[in-house]
Amino acid sequence: MRHTINTREGERNIFSKLQPQEASMSLKLIDSCLRLSVIPVSVATIWLTVTIHQSNPDYGNLDYNSIMGLKYMVGVSAICGIYALLSTISSWVACLVSKAWLFFVPDQVLAYLMTTSVAGATEIVYLLNKGDKTVTWSEVCSSYPHFCSKLTIALGLHVFVLFSFLFLSVISAYRAFSVFDPPCDSQTNCDA
């Protein structure tokens, strides 16, 4: 009887060790898939934004160079795409995997950069669609519908990259801080 209990406890110990390892591998797989998915979406965002141009006989040409916020969006998309490629490659290098801080800090910074970029691009799309009558900026999308529709698609792709980096920043924060013990509660004895 005692032998059976020890065997069952041994099985529980084996399973408890396997489950975190399996969870770690599935987390690594999710991390890699998210990083890999960011690359083509960032490239598509850049391509859509850079190739947007439309001319109107009454108002002239409109392209992404005309709006500074779109240059910022292209720059941030390029940084995110390059970082996603490099971090995907380095996440499979054994000596770098153990250094969770190498992923945590850039993931956090890029999540914040993406947030600012999406906010700026959203404001641009809103102003192009609705205008701002208080500063006499009329809406532009009735005169440049092709420009606005492509820009809206690029913004949607950019939002996907934002949510990917927000999720990646949560994953990298979990990896970075899960190696530490939780803080002690004031009610319990921390010295024991």
N, C-alpha and C. Protein backbone atom coordinates (compact mmCIF):
# COMPACT_ATOMS: atom_id res chain seq x y z
N MET A 1 0.82 -1.19 0.00
CA MET A 1 0.00 0.00 0.00
C MET A 1 0.86 1.25 0.00
N ARG A 2 1.88 1.24 0.84
CA ARG A 2 2.75 2.40 0.94
C ARG A 2 3.48 2.62 -0.39
N HIS A 3 3.87 1.54 -1.05
CA HIS A 3 4.56 1.62 -2.33
C HIS A 3 3.66 2.29 -3.38
N THR A 4 2.36 1.97 -3.33
CA THR A 4 1.41 2.57 -4.29
C THR A 4 1.28 4.07 -4.06
N ILE A 5 1.26 4.49 -2.82
CA ILE A 5 1.15 5.93 -2.52
C ILE A 5 2.38 6.66 -3.03
N ASN A 6 3.56 6.09 -2.77
CA ASN A 6 4.78 6.73 -3.25
C ASN A 6 4.80 6.80 -4.77
N THR A 7 4.33 5.74 -5.42
CA THR A 7 4.29 5.74 -6.88
C THR A 7 3.35 6.82 -7.39
N ARG A 8 2.19 6.95 -6.77
CA ARG A 8 1.24 7.98 -7.19
C ARG A 8 1.80 9.38 -6.95
N GLU A 9 2.46 9.57 -5.80
CA GLU A 9 3.08 10.87 -5.53
C GLU A 9 4.17 11.16 -6.54
N GLY A 10 4.91 10.12 -6.91
CA GLY A 10 5.96 10.29 -7.92
C GLY A 10 5.36 10.67 -9.27
N GLU A 11 4.22 10.02 -9.61
CA GLU A 11 3.55 10.37 -10.86
C GLU A 11 3.07 11.82 -10.83
N ARG A 12 2.52 12.25 -9.69
CA ARG A 12 2.06 13.64 -9.56
C ARG A 12 3.23 14.60 -9.72
N ASN A 13 4.37 14.25 -9.15
CA ASN A 13 5.54 15.11 -9.27
C ASN A 13 6.01 15.20 -10.72
N ILE A 14 5.97 14.07 -11.42
CA ILE A 14 6.36 14.07 -12.83
C ILE A 14 5.41 14.93 -13.63
N PHE A 15 4.08 14.76 -13.40
CA PHE A 15 3.10 15.54 -14.15
C PHE A 15 3.17 17.02 -13.80
N SER A 16 3.44 17.33 -12.54
CA SER A 16 3.53 18.74 -12.16
C SER A 16 4.75 19.39 -12.80
N LYS A 17 5.80 18.60 -13.05
CA LYS A 17 6.97 19.15 -13.73
C LYS A 17 6.73 19.27 -15.24
N LEU A 18 5.96 18.35 -15.80
CA LEU A 18 5.69 18.38 -17.24
C LEU A 18 4.74 19.50 -17.61
N GLN A 19 3.74 19.77 -16.80
CA GLN A 19 2.75 20.78 -17.15
C GLN A 19 3.37 22.16 -17.30
N PRO A 20 4.21 22.64 -16.38
CA PRO A 20 4.84 23.94 -16.62
C PRO A 20 5.73 23.95 -17.85
N GLN A 21 6.39 22.81 -18.12
CA GLN A 21 7.24 22.75 -19.30
C GLN A 21 6.39 22.80 -20.57
N GLU A 22 5.26 22.08 -20.58
CA GLU A 22 4.36 22.13 -21.72
C GLU A 22 3.75 23.52 -21.86
N ALA A 23 3.39 24.14 -20.75
CA ALA A 23 2.85 25.50 -20.78
C ALA A 23 3.90 26.47 -21.31
N SER A 24 5.14 26.27 -20.92
CA SER A 24 6.22 27.12 -21.41
C SER A 24 6.40 26.97 -22.91
N MET A 25 6.32 25.73 -23.40
CA MET A 25 6.46 25.51 -24.84
C MET A 25 5.28 26.09 -25.61
N SER A 26 4.07 25.96 -25.08
CA SER A 26 2.92 26.54 -25.78
C SER A 26 2.98 28.06 -25.73
N LEU A 27 3.47 28.62 -24.63
CA LEU A 27 3.65 30.07 -24.54
C LEU A 27 4.71 30.54 -25.54
N LYS A 28 5.78 29.75 -25.69
CA LYS A 28 6.82 30.08 -26.65
C LYS A 28 6.28 30.00 -28.08
N LEU A 29 5.43 29.02 -28.33
CA LEU A 29 4.83 28.88 -29.65
C LEU A 29 3.89 30.06 -29.96
N ILE A 30 3.08 30.45 -29.00
CA ILE A 30 2.20 31.61 -29.18
C ILE A 30 3.03 32.86 -29.41
N ASP A 31 4.07 33.02 -28.61
CA ASP A 31 4.97 34.17 -28.74
C ASP A 31 5.58 34.23 -30.14
N SER A 32 6.10 33.10 -30.61
CA SER A 32 6.72 33.06 -31.93
C SER A 32 5.72 33.32 -33.05
N CYS A 33 4.53 32.73 -32.91
CA CYS A 33 3.50 32.95 -33.95
C CYS A 33 3.07 34.41 -34.00
N LEU A 34 2.92 35.03 -32.84
CA LEU A 34 2.57 36.46 -32.83
C LEU A 34 3.67 37.30 -33.45
N ARG A 35 4.91 37.01 -33.09
CA ARG A 35 6.03 37.77 -33.66
C ARG A 35 6.12 37.57 -35.17
N LEU A 36 5.91 36.34 -35.61
CA LEU A 36 5.96 36.08 -37.05
C LEU A 36 4.79 36.74 -37.79
N SER A 37 3.63 36.78 -37.17
CA SER A 37 2.48 37.41 -37.83
C SER A 37 2.62 38.91 -37.93
N VAL A 38 3.39 39.50 -37.03
CA VAL A 38 3.59 40.96 -37.06
C VAL A 38 4.39 41.38 -38.30
N ILE A 39 5.29 40.53 -38.75
CA ILE A 39 6.19 40.89 -39.85
C ILE A 39 5.43 41.19 -41.14
N PRO A 40 4.62 40.27 -41.68
CA PRO A 40 3.92 40.60 -42.93
C PRO A 40 2.87 41.70 -42.76
N VAL A 41 2.26 41.78 -41.58
CA VAL A 41 1.25 42.82 -41.37
C VAL A 41 1.93 44.19 -41.32
N SER A 42 3.10 44.27 -40.71
CA SER A 42 3.84 45.54 -40.70
C SER A 42 4.28 45.93 -42.11
N VAL A 43 4.74 44.95 -42.88
CA VAL A 43 5.14 45.22 -44.26
C VAL A 43 3.93 45.68 -45.07
N ALA A 44 2.79 45.05 -44.87
CA ALA A 44 1.58 45.45 -45.59
C ALA A 44 1.14 46.85 -45.20
N THR A 45 1.26 47.19 -43.92
CA THR A 45 0.93 48.54 -43.47
C THR A 45 1.83 49.57 -44.13
N ILE A 46 3.11 49.27 -44.17
CA ILE A 46 4.06 50.19 -44.80
C ILE A 46 3.75 50.34 -46.28
N TRP A 47 3.54 49.23 -46.95
CA TRP A 47 3.29 49.26 -48.39
C TRP A 47 2.01 50.03 -48.71
N LEU A 48 0.94 49.74 -47.98
CA LEU A 48 -0.32 50.46 -48.21
C LEU A 48 -0.17 51.96 -47.98
N THR A 49 0.50 52.32 -46.91
CA THR A 49 0.63 53.73 -46.56
C THR A 49 1.53 54.47 -47.55
N VAL A 50 2.64 53.87 -47.92
CA VAL A 50 3.60 54.54 -48.81
C VAL A 50 3.04 54.67 -50.23
N THR A 51 2.25 53.70 -50.66
CA THR A 51 1.74 53.74 -52.03
C THR A 51 0.43 54.52 -52.17
N ILE A 52 -0.09 55.04 -51.07
CA ILE A 52 -1.33 55.81 -51.15
C ILE A 52 -1.05 57.14 -51.84
N HIS A 53 -1.77 57.38 -52.88
CA HIS A 53 -1.76 58.71 -53.50
C HIS A 53 -3.00 58.84 -54.37
N GLN A 54 -3.51 60.02 -54.40
CA GLN A 54 -4.68 60.29 -55.23
C GLN A 54 -4.64 61.76 -55.62
N SER A 55 -5.02 62.02 -56.82
CA SER A 55 -5.06 63.41 -57.26
C SER A 55 -6.51 63.82 -57.51
N ASN A 56 -6.75 65.08 -57.28
CA ASN A 56 -8.06 65.67 -57.49
C ASN A 56 -7.84 66.93 -58.32
N PRO A 57 -8.59 67.12 -59.41
CA PRO A 57 -8.36 68.29 -60.25
C PRO A 57 -8.61 69.62 -59.53
N ASP A 58 -9.46 69.59 -58.52
CA ASP A 58 -9.77 70.83 -57.79
C ASP A 58 -8.77 71.13 -56.67
N TYR A 59 -8.28 70.07 -56.01
CA TYR A 59 -7.45 70.28 -54.82
C TYR A 59 -6.01 69.82 -54.96
N GLY A 60 -5.67 69.11 -56.01
CA GLY A 60 -4.30 68.68 -56.22
C GLY A 60 -4.05 67.26 -55.74
N ASN A 61 -2.78 66.95 -55.51
CA ASN A 61 -2.35 65.60 -55.12
C ASN A 61 -2.34 65.46 -53.61
N LEU A 62 -2.65 64.26 -53.17
CA LEU A 62 -2.55 63.92 -51.75
C LEU A 62 -1.84 62.58 -51.65
N ASP A 63 -0.75 62.53 -50.90
CA ASP A 63 -0.04 61.28 -50.66
C ASP A 63 0.44 61.25 -49.22
N TYR A 64 1.10 60.15 -48.86
CA TYR A 64 1.48 59.99 -47.46
C TYR A 64 2.53 61.01 -47.03
N ASN A 65 3.30 61.56 -47.96
CA ASN A 65 4.28 62.59 -47.60
C ASN A 65 3.62 63.90 -47.17
N SER A 66 2.35 64.07 -47.51
CA SER A 66 1.65 65.29 -47.15
C SER A 66 1.26 65.35 -45.68
N ILE A 67 1.27 64.20 -45.02
CA ILE A 67 0.80 64.13 -43.62
C ILE A 67 1.90 63.52 -42.76
N MET A 68 2.42 64.32 -41.85
CA MET A 68 3.56 63.91 -41.01
C MET A 68 3.23 62.69 -40.15
N GLY A 69 2.02 62.57 -39.66
CA GLY A 69 1.65 61.43 -38.82
C GLY A 69 1.75 60.10 -39.54
N LEU A 70 1.56 60.12 -40.86
CA LEU A 70 1.69 58.88 -41.62
C LEU A 70 3.15 58.46 -41.74
N LYS A 71 4.05 59.43 -41.80
CA LYS A 71 5.48 59.09 -41.80
C LYS A 71 5.86 58.43 -40.48
N TYR A 72 5.30 58.94 -39.39
CA TYR A 72 5.56 58.35 -38.09
C TYR A 72 5.02 56.92 -38.04
N MET A 73 3.83 56.70 -38.59
CA MET A 73 3.24 55.37 -38.62
C MET A 73 4.10 54.41 -39.43
N VAL A 74 4.62 54.86 -40.56
CA VAL A 74 5.50 54.02 -41.38
C VAL A 74 6.79 53.70 -40.63
N GLY A 75 7.35 54.69 -39.97
CA GLY A 75 8.58 54.47 -39.21
C GLY A 75 8.40 53.47 -38.08
N VAL A 76 7.32 53.62 -37.34
CA VAL A 76 7.05 52.69 -36.23
C VAL A 76 6.76 51.29 -36.77
N SER A 77 6.05 51.20 -37.89
CA SER A 77 5.78 49.88 -38.49
C SER A 77 7.07 49.21 -38.92
N ALA A 78 7.99 49.99 -39.48
CA ALA A 78 9.28 49.43 -39.90
C ALA A 78 10.07 48.92 -38.69
N ILE A 79 10.10 49.71 -37.63
CA ILE A 79 10.81 49.30 -36.42
C ILE A 79 10.19 48.02 -35.85
N CYS A 80 8.86 47.97 -35.81
CA CYS A 80 8.17 46.78 -35.27
C CYS A 80 8.43 45.55 -36.13
N GLY A 81 8.41 45.70 -37.44
CA GLY A 81 8.65 44.55 -38.31
C GLY A 81 10.07 44.02 -38.18
N ILE A 82 11.04 44.92 -38.14
CA ILE A 82 12.44 44.50 -37.99
C ILE A 82 12.66 43.85 -36.63
N TYR A 83 12.13 44.48 -35.58
CA TYR A 83 12.28 43.91 -34.24
C TYR A 83 11.61 42.54 -34.15
N ALA A 84 10.42 42.41 -34.75
CA ALA A 84 9.72 41.13 -34.69
C ALA A 84 10.54 40.03 -35.37
N LEU A 85 11.16 40.35 -36.49
CA LEU A 85 12.00 39.37 -37.17
C LEU A 85 13.21 38.99 -36.31
N LEU A 86 13.91 39.98 -35.80
CA LEU A 86 15.10 39.70 -34.98
C LEU A 86 14.75 38.98 -33.68
N SER A 87 13.65 39.38 -33.06
CA SER A 87 13.28 38.72 -31.79
C SER A 87 12.77 37.30 -32.02
N THR A 88 12.14 37.04 -33.16
CA THR A 88 11.71 35.67 -33.46
C THR A 88 12.93 34.77 -33.63
N ILE A 89 13.91 35.26 -34.37
CA ILE A 89 15.13 34.48 -34.56
C ILE A 89 15.85 34.26 -33.24
N SER A 90 15.99 35.33 -32.47
CA SER A 90 16.74 35.20 -31.22
C SER A 90 15.97 34.45 -30.14
N SER A 91 14.65 34.33 -30.27
CA SER A 91 13.90 33.58 -29.26
C SER A 91 14.17 32.08 -29.34
N TRP A 92 14.73 31.63 -30.44
CA TRP A 92 15.07 30.22 -30.58
C TRP A 92 16.55 29.95 -30.34
N VAL A 93 17.32 31.00 -30.02
CA VAL A 93 18.73 30.83 -29.67
C VAL A 93 18.79 30.55 -28.17
N ALA A 94 19.38 29.44 -27.82
CA ALA A 94 19.34 28.95 -26.43
C ALA A 94 19.92 29.93 -25.42
N CYS A 95 21.01 30.60 -25.75
CA CYS A 95 21.64 31.47 -24.76
C CYS A 95 20.82 32.75 -24.52
N LEU A 96 19.97 33.14 -25.46
CA LEU A 96 19.17 34.35 -25.29
C LEU A 96 17.80 34.08 -24.68
N VAL A 97 17.33 32.85 -24.78
CA VAL A 97 16.00 32.53 -24.27
C VAL A 97 15.94 32.73 -22.76
N SER A 98 17.02 32.42 -22.07
CA SER A 98 17.02 32.54 -20.61
C SER A 98 17.06 34.00 -20.15
N LYS A 99 17.36 34.92 -21.02
CA LYS A 99 17.44 36.32 -20.67
C LYS A 99 16.12 37.02 -21.03
N ALA A 100 15.13 36.85 -20.15
CA ALA A 100 13.78 37.36 -20.41
C ALA A 100 13.75 38.87 -20.50
N TRP A 101 14.70 39.56 -19.86
CA TRP A 101 14.72 41.02 -19.89
C TRP A 101 15.06 41.55 -21.29
N LEU A 102 15.76 40.75 -22.09
CA LEU A 102 16.07 41.18 -23.46
C LEU A 102 14.82 41.30 -24.31
N PHE A 103 13.78 40.58 -23.95
CA PHE A 103 12.52 40.68 -24.67
C PHE A 103 11.53 41.61 -23.97
N PHE A 104 11.59 41.64 -22.65
CA PHE A 104 10.63 42.43 -21.89
C PHE A 104 10.71 43.92 -22.20
N VAL A 105 11.90 44.49 -22.12
CA VAL A 105 12.05 45.94 -22.29
C VAL A 105 11.67 46.39 -23.71
N PRO A 106 12.21 45.78 -24.77
CA PRO A 106 11.79 46.23 -26.10
C PRO A 106 10.31 45.99 -26.39
N ASP A 107 9.75 44.89 -25.88
CA ASP A 107 8.32 44.65 -26.09
C ASP A 107 7.48 45.76 -25.46
N GLN A 108 7.88 46.18 -24.26
CA GLN A 108 7.15 47.27 -23.59
C GLN A 108 7.29 48.58 -24.37
N VAL A 109 8.50 48.88 -24.79
CA VAL A 109 8.74 50.13 -25.52
C VAL A 109 7.96 50.14 -26.83
N LEU A 110 7.99 49.04 -27.55
CA LEU A 110 7.27 48.98 -28.83
C LEU A 110 5.75 48.99 -28.64
N ALA A 111 5.27 48.43 -27.55
CA ALA A 111 3.83 48.50 -27.29
C ALA A 111 3.41 49.96 -27.08
N TYR A 112 4.24 50.72 -26.37
CA TYR A 112 3.93 52.14 -26.17
C TYR A 112 4.08 52.93 -27.47
N LEU A 113 5.11 52.65 -28.23
CA LEU A 113 5.27 53.32 -29.54
C LEU A 113 4.08 53.03 -30.45
N MET A 114 3.66 51.78 -30.47
CA MET A 114 2.51 51.41 -31.29
C MET A 114 1.25 52.12 -30.82
N THR A 115 1.09 52.27 -29.51
CA THR A 115 -0.07 52.98 -28.98
C THR A 115 -0.09 54.42 -29.46
N THR A 116 1.05 55.09 -29.40
CA THR A 116 1.09 56.49 -29.86
C THR A 116 0.87 56.58 -31.36
N SER A 117 1.41 55.64 -32.10
CA SER A 117 1.27 55.64 -33.55
C SER A 117 -0.18 55.40 -33.97
N VAL A 118 -0.82 54.44 -33.33
CA VAL A 118 -2.23 54.16 -33.65
C VAL A 118 -3.10 55.35 -33.26
N ALA A 119 -2.81 55.97 -32.13
CA ALA A 119 -3.59 57.14 -31.71
C ALA A 119 -3.46 58.26 -32.74
N GLY A 120 -2.24 58.53 -33.18
CA GLY A 120 -2.03 59.57 -34.18
C GLY A 120 -2.69 59.25 -35.51
N ALA A 121 -2.56 58.02 -35.96
CA ALA A 121 -3.16 57.62 -37.24
C ALA A 121 -4.68 57.62 -37.15
N THR A 122 -5.23 57.23 -36.00
CA THR A 122 -6.67 57.26 -35.82
C THR A 122 -7.20 58.69 -35.89
N GLU A 123 -6.47 59.61 -35.28
CA GLU A 123 -6.87 61.01 -35.35
C GLU A 123 -6.83 61.53 -36.79
N ILE A 124 -5.81 61.12 -37.53
CA ILE A 124 -5.70 61.54 -38.93
C ILE A 124 -6.89 61.02 -39.74
N VAL A 125 -7.19 59.74 -39.58
CA VAL A 125 -8.30 59.15 -40.32
C VAL A 125 -9.62 59.83 -39.92
N TYR A 126 -9.78 60.11 -38.64
CA TYR A 126 -11.00 60.79 -38.18
C TYR A 126 -11.12 62.18 -38.80
N LEU A 127 -10.03 62.93 -38.79
CA LEU A 127 -10.06 64.28 -39.35
C LEU A 127 -10.27 64.26 -40.86
N LEU A 128 -9.69 63.28 -41.53
CA LEU A 128 -9.91 63.17 -42.97
C LEU A 128 -11.38 62.85 -43.29
N ASN A 129 -12.00 62.05 -42.44
CA ASN A 129 -13.39 61.67 -42.65
C ASN A 129 -14.38 62.73 -42.19
N LYS A 130 -14.14 63.34 -41.05
CA LYS A 130 -15.11 64.26 -40.45
C LYS A 130 -14.71 65.72 -40.55
N GLY A 131 -13.41 66.00 -40.61
CA GLY A 131 -12.95 67.38 -40.59
C GLY A 131 -13.05 67.97 -39.19
N ASP A 132 -12.73 69.24 -39.09
CA ASP A 132 -12.84 69.97 -37.82
C ASP A 132 -13.29 71.38 -38.14
N LYS A 133 -14.57 71.63 -37.95
CA LYS A 133 -15.15 72.90 -38.35
C LYS A 133 -14.65 74.07 -37.51
N THR A 134 -14.24 73.83 -36.26
CA THR A 134 -13.78 74.93 -35.42
C THR A 134 -12.47 75.53 -35.92
N VAL A 135 -11.66 74.74 -36.60
CA VAL A 135 -10.41 75.27 -37.16
C VAL A 135 -10.48 75.34 -38.68
N THR A 136 -11.70 75.26 -39.19
CA THR A 136 -11.99 75.33 -40.64
C THR A 136 -11.23 74.31 -41.47
N TRP A 137 -11.14 73.09 -40.93
CA TRP A 137 -10.53 72.01 -41.69
C TRP A 137 -11.68 71.14 -42.19
N SER A 138 -11.92 71.19 -43.47
CA SER A 138 -13.03 70.42 -44.02
C SER A 138 -12.62 68.97 -44.20
N GLU A 139 -13.64 68.10 -44.27
CA GLU A 139 -13.35 66.70 -44.49
C GLU A 139 -12.81 66.51 -45.92
N VAL A 140 -11.96 65.51 -46.07
CA VAL A 140 -11.24 65.32 -47.32
C VAL A 140 -11.71 64.08 -48.07
N CYS A 141 -12.33 63.15 -47.37
CA CYS A 141 -12.62 61.85 -47.97
C CYS A 141 -13.63 61.91 -49.11
N SER A 142 -14.46 62.93 -49.16
CA SER A 142 -15.36 63.03 -50.30
C SER A 142 -14.59 63.41 -51.57
N SER A 143 -13.49 64.11 -51.42
CA SER A 143 -12.66 64.49 -52.57
C SER A 143 -11.59 63.44 -52.88
N TYR A 144 -11.18 62.67 -51.88
CA TYR A 144 -10.13 61.65 -52.03
C TYR A 144 -10.60 60.31 -51.43
N PRO A 145 -11.64 59.70 -52.00
CA PRO A 145 -12.17 58.47 -51.37
C PRO A 145 -11.19 57.29 -51.42
N HIS A 146 -10.41 57.16 -52.49
CA HIS A 146 -9.44 56.05 -52.61
C HIS A 146 -8.36 56.19 -51.53
N PHE A 147 -7.89 57.38 -51.31
CA PHE A 147 -6.87 57.65 -50.29
C PHE A 147 -7.39 57.25 -48.92
N CYS A 148 -8.60 57.67 -48.60
CA CYS A 148 -9.16 57.39 -47.27
C CYS A 148 -9.43 55.90 -47.06
N SER A 149 -9.91 55.21 -48.09
CA SER A 149 -10.20 53.78 -47.91
C SER A 149 -8.92 52.98 -47.71
N LYS A 150 -7.86 53.29 -48.47
CA LYS A 150 -6.59 52.57 -48.27
C LYS A 150 -5.97 52.90 -46.91
N LEU A 151 -6.11 54.15 -46.50
CA LEU A 151 -5.57 54.55 -45.20
C LEU A 151 -6.33 53.87 -44.06
N THR A 152 -7.62 53.68 -44.21
CA THR A 152 -8.40 52.99 -43.19
C THR A 152 -7.97 51.52 -43.09
N ILE A 153 -7.70 50.90 -44.21
CA ILE A 153 -7.22 49.51 -44.20
C ILE A 153 -5.84 49.44 -43.53
N ALA A 154 -4.96 50.38 -43.86
CA ALA A 154 -3.63 50.42 -43.25
C ALA A 154 -3.75 50.62 -41.74
N LEU A 155 -4.68 51.46 -41.32
CA LEU A 155 -4.89 51.67 -39.88
C LEU A 155 -5.38 50.39 -39.21
N GLY A 156 -6.27 49.65 -39.86
CA GLY A 156 -6.74 48.39 -39.31
C GLY A 156 -5.60 47.39 -39.12
N LEU A 157 -4.71 47.31 -40.10
CA LEU A 157 -3.55 46.43 -39.97
C LEU A 157 -2.63 46.90 -38.84
N HIS A 158 -2.48 48.20 -38.74
CA HIS A 158 -1.64 48.78 -37.69
C HIS A 158 -2.22 48.48 -36.30
N VAL A 159 -3.53 48.49 -36.18
CA VAL A 159 -4.19 48.16 -34.91
C VAL A 159 -3.94 46.68 -34.56
N PHE A 160 -3.95 45.80 -35.57
CA PHE A 160 -3.63 44.40 -35.33
C PHE A 160 -2.22 44.26 -34.74
N VAL A 161 -1.26 44.99 -35.30
CA VAL A 161 0.11 44.95 -34.78
C VAL A 161 0.15 45.49 -33.35
N LEU A 162 -0.62 46.53 -33.08
CA LEU A 162 -0.68 47.07 -31.71
C LEU A 162 -1.15 46.00 -30.74
N PHE A 163 -2.26 45.34 -31.04
CA PHE A 163 -2.77 44.31 -30.13
C PHE A 163 -1.80 43.14 -30.00
N SER A 164 -1.10 42.82 -31.08
CA SER A 164 -0.09 41.76 -31.00
C SER A 164 1.01 42.16 -30.03
N PHE A 165 1.48 43.41 -30.12
CA PHE A 165 2.55 43.84 -29.22
C PHE A 165 2.06 44.01 -27.79
N LEU A 166 0.82 44.38 -27.60
CA LEU A 166 0.29 44.42 -26.24
C LEU A 166 0.28 43.03 -25.63
N PHE A 167 -0.15 42.04 -26.42
CA PHE A 167 -0.16 40.67 -25.93
C PHE A 167 1.27 40.16 -25.72
N LEU A 168 2.17 40.50 -26.65
CA LEU A 168 3.57 40.10 -26.49
C LEU A 168 4.20 40.72 -25.25
N SER A 169 3.82 41.96 -24.94
CA SER A 169 4.37 42.60 -23.75
C SER A 169 3.88 41.92 -22.48
N VAL A 170 2.65 41.41 -22.50
CA VAL A 170 2.14 40.65 -21.35
C VAL A 170 2.90 39.33 -21.21
N ILE A 171 3.12 38.66 -22.33
CA ILE A 171 3.87 37.39 -22.30
C ILE A 171 5.29 37.61 -21.81
N SER A 172 5.96 38.63 -22.33
CA SER A 172 7.34 38.87 -21.90
C SER A 172 7.40 39.34 -20.46
N ALA A 173 6.39 40.07 -19.99
CA ALA A 173 6.36 40.46 -18.58
C ALA A 173 6.17 39.23 -17.70
N TYR A 174 5.32 38.31 -18.12
CA TYR A 174 5.13 37.07 -17.37
C TYR A 174 6.44 36.29 -17.29
N ARG A 175 7.13 36.19 -18.42
CA ARG A 175 8.40 35.46 -18.43
C ARG A 175 9.45 36.14 -17.56
N ALA A 176 9.50 37.47 -17.59
CA ALA A 176 10.52 38.19 -16.84
C ALA A 176 10.26 38.12 -15.34
N PHE A 177 9.00 38.20 -14.94
CA PHE A 177 8.71 38.28 -13.51
C PHE A 177 8.31 36.96 -12.89
N SER A 178 8.09 35.92 -13.66
CA SER A 178 7.71 34.64 -13.08
C SER A 178 8.89 33.94 -12.41
N VAL A 179 10.10 34.39 -12.67
CA VAL A 179 11.25 33.77 -12.01
C VAL A 179 11.40 34.24 -10.57
N PHE A 180 10.69 35.29 -10.19
CA PHE A 180 10.77 35.83 -8.83
C PHE A 180 9.62 35.28 -7.99
N ASP A 181 9.88 35.18 -6.68
CA ASP A 181 8.83 34.77 -5.76
C ASP A 181 7.85 35.93 -5.57
N PRO A 182 6.59 35.60 -5.28
CA PRO A 182 5.64 36.68 -5.01
C PRO A 182 6.03 37.43 -3.75
N PRO A 183 5.62 38.67 -3.63
CA PRO A 183 5.97 39.43 -2.43
C PRO A 183 5.29 38.86 -1.19
N CYS A 184 5.90 39.09 -0.05
CA CYS A 184 5.36 38.57 1.20
C CYS A 184 4.17 39.41 1.64
N ASP A 185 3.23 38.73 2.23
CA ASP A 185 2.07 39.40 2.80
C ASP A 185 2.45 39.86 4.20
N SER A 186 1.96 40.99 4.63
CA SER A 186 2.30 41.49 5.96
C SER A 186 1.75 40.61 7.06
N GLN A 187 0.74 39.81 6.76
CA GLN A 187 0.13 38.91 7.76
C GLN A 187 0.97 37.67 7.98
N THR A 188 1.76 37.26 7.00
CA THR A 188 2.52 36.01 7.11
C THR A 188 3.95 36.30 7.49
N ASN A 189 4.61 35.28 7.94
CA ASN A 189 6.01 35.41 8.31
C ASN A 189 6.85 35.15 7.07
N CYS A 190 7.57 36.15 6.59
CA CYS A 190 8.37 36.03 5.37
C CYS A 190 9.69 35.33 5.61
N ASP A 191 10.14 35.27 6.84
CA ASP A 191 11.45 34.68 7.13
C ASP A 191 11.43 33.16 7.11
N ALA A 192 10.28 32.57 7.23
CA ALA A 192 10.19 31.11 7.33
C ALA A 192 10.41 30.43 6.01
